[in-house]
Amino acid sequence: MSNSYARPILRTADLRAALHVVQRLLAIADTSELEVDFEATVTSAPTLTALLDLLPDPDWWAEGDRDGSSATDDDPFAHLPVRLQGWALPPVLAGPLVTATGGAAAAVRWDFAGWPEAPEAGLGVGGSGGAFVTLCLNLHDLDLEEPATDHTVFVHVKQFEAERAPWLAAQVGLRTIGDLVMAPH
């Protein structure tokens, strides 16, 4: 994931509501270059099986101080829990990945060409490098370190365009609910 800054705009236990907000944000974005990135902490064999069925060639590594990774062709089932990642995936995989994740801590990030002009915020079109939406499943953070019973939607912007985040939230009838944080890359 490339560096960007992100602000949460929704926290909800209603996954449908979170996905609806994501779709509304994508509807105003320039999605001509849309792709999806995925990351999860997987603790169970059934969830790992479901995700491996969807991801063509994921990177993974054992969590904690344990050995085992895709780099050494190890068996991920022998190393649970694992951190699993898939990059530059077709957008059509987003829904199935969300479903396959179940109760695991995961993040789905939609990467696209840019945000629209935000004249009320004094901003022109926002280009790539700061144009993402992330749905954190069963999480409150982008680093997959704060497990939760609900889901969080983040909008990503360039740091020098921080005022775009509240503008984006307002476009979908919401407001920012947290601080601007540097997103992992």
Protein backbone atom coordinates (compact mmCIF):
# COMPACT_ATOMS: atom_id res chain seq x y z
CA MET A 1 0.00 0.00 0.00
CA SER A 2 1.37 3.42 -0.88
CA ASN A 3 1.58 6.20 1.69
CA SER A 4 -1.53 8.29 2.14
CA TYR A 5 -3.35 9.85 5.04
CA ALA A 6 -6.70 8.53 6.15
CA ARG A 7 -9.61 9.58 8.33
CA PRO A 8 -12.43 7.41 9.56
CA ILE A 9 -15.90 8.54 8.54
CA LEU A 10 -18.07 5.63 9.68
CA ARG A 11 -17.99 2.98 12.38
CA THR A 12 -20.85 0.50 12.31
CA ALA A 13 -21.75 -3.10 13.10
CA ASP A 14 -23.91 -3.04 9.95
CA LEU A 15 -21.65 -4.37 7.18
CA ARG A 16 -24.25 -3.52 4.52
CA ALA A 17 -24.25 0.11 5.64
CA ALA A 18 -20.45 0.23 5.50
CA LEU A 19 -20.41 -1.26 1.99
CA HIS A 20 -23.11 1.21 0.91
CA VAL A 21 -20.93 4.14 2.03
CA VAL A 22 -17.97 2.66 0.15
CA GLN A 23 -20.09 2.39 -3.02
CA ARG A 24 -21.32 5.97 -2.64
CA LEU A 25 -17.73 7.21 -2.31
CA LEU A 26 -16.65 5.19 -5.35
CA ALA A 27 -19.55 6.70 -7.30
CA ILE A 28 -18.02 10.18 -6.96
CA ALA A 29 -14.41 9.05 -7.54
CA ASP A 30 -12.58 8.65 -10.83
CA THR A 31 -12.57 4.85 -10.91
CA SER A 32 -11.10 4.53 -14.39
CA GLU A 33 -8.11 2.75 -12.83
CA LEU A 34 -9.88 0.84 -10.07
CA GLU A 35 -8.23 -2.07 -8.26
CA VAL A 36 -8.47 -3.62 -4.81
CA ASP A 37 -5.85 -4.48 -2.19
CA PHE A 38 -6.62 -6.90 0.62
CA GLU A 39 -4.98 -7.73 3.94
CA ALA A 40 -6.16 -9.98 6.75
CA THR A 41 -5.03 -11.66 9.93
CA VAL A 42 -6.33 -15.20 9.55
CA THR A 43 -6.63 -17.49 12.55
CA SER A 44 -8.77 -20.37 11.24
CA ALA A 45 -8.35 -22.99 8.54
CA PRO A 46 -11.88 -22.49 7.09
CA THR A 47 -11.30 -18.74 6.62
CA LEU A 48 -7.85 -19.37 5.16
CA THR A 49 -9.30 -21.92 2.72
CA ALA A 50 -12.02 -19.49 1.59
CA LEU A 51 -9.54 -16.65 1.08
CA LEU A 52 -6.96 -18.80 -0.73
CA ASP A 53 -9.73 -19.91 -3.13
CA LEU A 54 -10.17 -16.23 -4.09
CA LEU A 55 -6.62 -14.90 -4.07
CA PRO A 56 -4.49 -15.96 -7.03
CA ASP A 57 -1.04 -15.77 -5.40
CA PRO A 58 -1.16 -14.08 -2.00
CA ASP A 59 1.77 -13.11 0.13
CA TRP A 60 1.56 -14.41 3.69
CA TRP A 61 3.71 -14.81 6.75
CA ALA A 62 3.30 -16.29 10.21
CA GLU A 63 2.19 -13.79 12.84
CA GLY A 64 4.41 -13.04 15.82
CA ASP A 65 7.96 -14.30 16.18
CA ARG A 66 7.31 -17.50 14.25
CA ASP A 67 8.84 -18.61 10.96
CA GLY A 68 6.84 -19.47 7.86
CA SER A 69 5.91 -17.49 4.76
CA SER A 70 4.96 -17.63 1.12
CA ALA A 71 8.51 -16.51 0.31
CA THR A 72 9.82 -19.92 1.39
CA ASP A 73 6.88 -21.94 -0.04
CA ASP A 74 5.71 -23.03 3.40
CA ASP A 75 2.20 -24.35 4.02
CA PRO A 76 0.14 -21.48 5.53
CA PHE A 77 -2.17 -23.94 7.30
CA ALA A 78 0.80 -25.19 9.33
CA HIS A 79 1.58 -21.65 10.48
CA LEU A 80 -1.78 -20.18 11.61
CA PRO A 81 -2.32 -17.42 12.53
CA VAL A 82 -0.99 -15.76 9.38
CA ARG A 83 -1.07 -12.31 7.81
CA LEU A 84 -2.36 -12.62 4.25
CA GLN A 85 -2.10 -9.99 1.50
CA GLY A 86 -3.29 -9.64 -2.07
CA TRP A 87 -2.41 -6.64 -4.26
CA ALA A 88 -3.84 -5.04 -7.40
CA LEU A 89 -6.83 -7.36 -7.49
CA PRO A 90 -9.83 -6.99 -9.80
CA PRO A 91 -12.60 -4.97 -8.11
CA VAL A 92 -15.06 -7.81 -8.63
CA LEU A 93 -13.21 -9.71 -5.86
CA ALA A 94 -14.04 -7.14 -3.16
CA GLY A 95 -17.46 -8.56 -2.29
CA PRO A 96 -16.35 -12.20 -2.21
CA LEU A 97 -13.31 -11.27 -0.08
CA VAL A 98 -15.52 -9.44 2.41
CA THR A 99 -17.80 -12.48 2.61
CA ALA A 100 -14.92 -14.96 2.92
CA THR A 101 -13.31 -12.94 5.70
CA GLY A 102 -16.08 -13.76 8.14
CA GLY A 103 -15.04 -12.59 11.60
CA ALA A 104 -11.35 -12.16 10.75
CA ALA A 105 -9.64 -8.79 11.06
CA ALA A 106 -9.20 -7.56 7.50
CA ALA A 107 -8.94 -4.47 5.30
CA VAL A 108 -10.19 -4.04 1.76
CA ARG A 109 -8.79 -0.98 0.02
CA TRP A 110 -10.14 0.39 -3.23
CA ASP A 111 -7.43 2.23 -5.20
CA PHE A 112 -8.50 4.54 -8.02
CA ALA A 113 -7.38 7.42 -10.23
CA GLY A 114 -8.56 10.35 -8.11
CA TRP A 115 -11.09 12.29 -6.09
CA PRO A 116 -13.35 14.91 -7.67
CA GLU A 117 -12.85 18.63 -7.38
CA ALA A 118 -13.88 19.94 -3.94
CA PRO A 119 -14.57 23.62 -4.59
CA GLU A 120 -16.11 24.22 -1.14
CA ALA A 121 -12.81 23.08 0.37
CA GLY A 122 -10.75 25.06 -2.14
CA LEU A 123 -9.38 21.91 -3.77
CA GLY A 124 -9.08 20.85 -7.38
CA VAL A 125 -9.19 17.26 -8.56
CA GLY A 126 -7.24 14.95 -6.24
CA GLY A 127 -4.93 12.58 -8.08
CA SER A 128 -3.66 9.12 -7.30
CA GLY A 129 -1.40 8.56 -4.31
CA GLY A 130 -4.08 9.85 -1.99
CA ALA A 131 -7.25 8.48 -3.53
CA PHE A 132 -8.37 5.38 -1.67
CA VAL A 133 -11.26 4.08 0.40
CA THR A 134 -10.62 1.38 2.99
CA LEU A 135 -13.16 -0.80 4.71
CA CYS A 136 -11.66 -2.28 7.87
CA LEU A 137 -13.60 -5.38 8.83
CA ASN A 138 -13.79 -6.14 12.53
CA LEU A 139 -11.22 -3.40 13.11
CA HIS A 140 -10.84 0.21 14.19
CA ASP A 141 -7.45 0.82 12.56
CA LEU A 142 -5.60 0.46 9.28
CA ASP A 143 -2.71 -1.52 10.81
CA LEU A 144 -4.95 -4.48 11.75
CA GLU A 145 -4.00 -4.08 15.39
CA GLU A 146 -7.27 -2.91 17.02
CA PRO A 147 -9.81 -5.75 16.73
CA ALA A 148 -13.43 -4.68 17.06
CA THR A 149 -16.94 -6.01 16.77
CA ASP A 150 -17.75 -3.40 14.14
CA HIS A 151 -16.34 -2.09 10.87
CA THR A 152 -14.67 1.22 9.96
CA VAL A 153 -14.68 3.11 6.66
CA PHE A 154 -11.69 5.39 5.98
CA VAL A 155 -11.20 7.95 3.23
CA HIS A 156 -7.61 8.54 2.13
CA VAL A 157 -6.28 11.88 0.98
CA LYS A 158 -2.93 13.54 0.46
CA GLN A 159 -1.61 15.12 3.66
CA PHE A 160 -1.57 18.62 2.19
CA GLU A 161 -5.23 18.13 1.16
CA ALA A 162 -6.43 17.08 4.62
CA GLU A 163 -9.56 19.23 4.27
CA ARG A 164 -10.73 16.87 1.51
CA ALA A 165 -11.57 14.17 4.10
CA PRO A 166 -14.39 16.08 5.83
CA TRP A 167 -15.61 17.25 2.41
CA LEU A 168 -15.78 13.63 1.21
CA ALA A 169 -17.60 12.57 4.37
CA ALA A 170 -20.17 15.32 3.81
CA GLN A 171 -20.73 14.12 0.23
CA VAL A 172 -22.12 10.86 1.63
CA GLY A 173 -24.03 12.46 4.52
CA LEU A 174 -21.41 11.76 7.18
CA ARG A 175 -18.66 13.56 9.07
CA THR A 176 -15.16 12.58 10.07
CA ILE A 177 -15.05 10.70 13.36
CA GLY A 178 -11.35 10.57 14.08
CA ASP A 179 -7.96 12.06 13.38
CA LEU A 180 -6.03 12.08 10.14
CA VAL A 181 -3.48 9.25 10.38
CA MET A 182 -0.69 8.10 8.11
CA ALA A 183 -1.80 4.93 6.38
CA PRO A 184 0.50 1.92 6.19
CA HIS A 185 2.18 1.26 2.88
